[in-house]
C-alpha cells in the first residue's frame, strides 16, 4: 500500500528552509469520496474541525467501523505488515495510513477495474 515517491526536495528562501516530498496520488480516478482520513495511530493533536478540513484525523475516525470480506481484510493486513516492516527496517517512524471512504449509495460500481488498480491489485468485489 506504500505510495510511490516522485522526489524529495529542500527549499530555502533567506533563513527559511523546509523539506518536502512529492508522492503519487493513489486517489486519482476514484469515485466521489465522502470522507478521507490521515491515520497515524495516535490521539495526540489528531482531531480537526470537519467543516474546515477535507482530510480528517485519528480522533475524527474514532467510532467508525469499516466492513469488508475476510479475504480483502487478510490481504490488507498482510500488506500493512509488509509495509511497516519495510519502514521500520529503514528507521522511518512518521508515516500515515490514508483511508478514503466512498459510501455505496454514492458510487457507480462499474469502476471495479480502476479500484483494483488503485488498491494495488486487490481482487475486485461487489459491495
Foldseek 3Di string as FASTA:
>chain_A
DDWAWPDKDWDDDPPDIDIDTHTDDLCVPPADFPAKEWEQPDDVVQADDVVVDRYHYDVVCPPPDDDDDPVVVVVVVVVVVVVVVVCVVVVHRGGTDMDTHDDPVRDDPPCQVSVCVSVVNDHGDDD
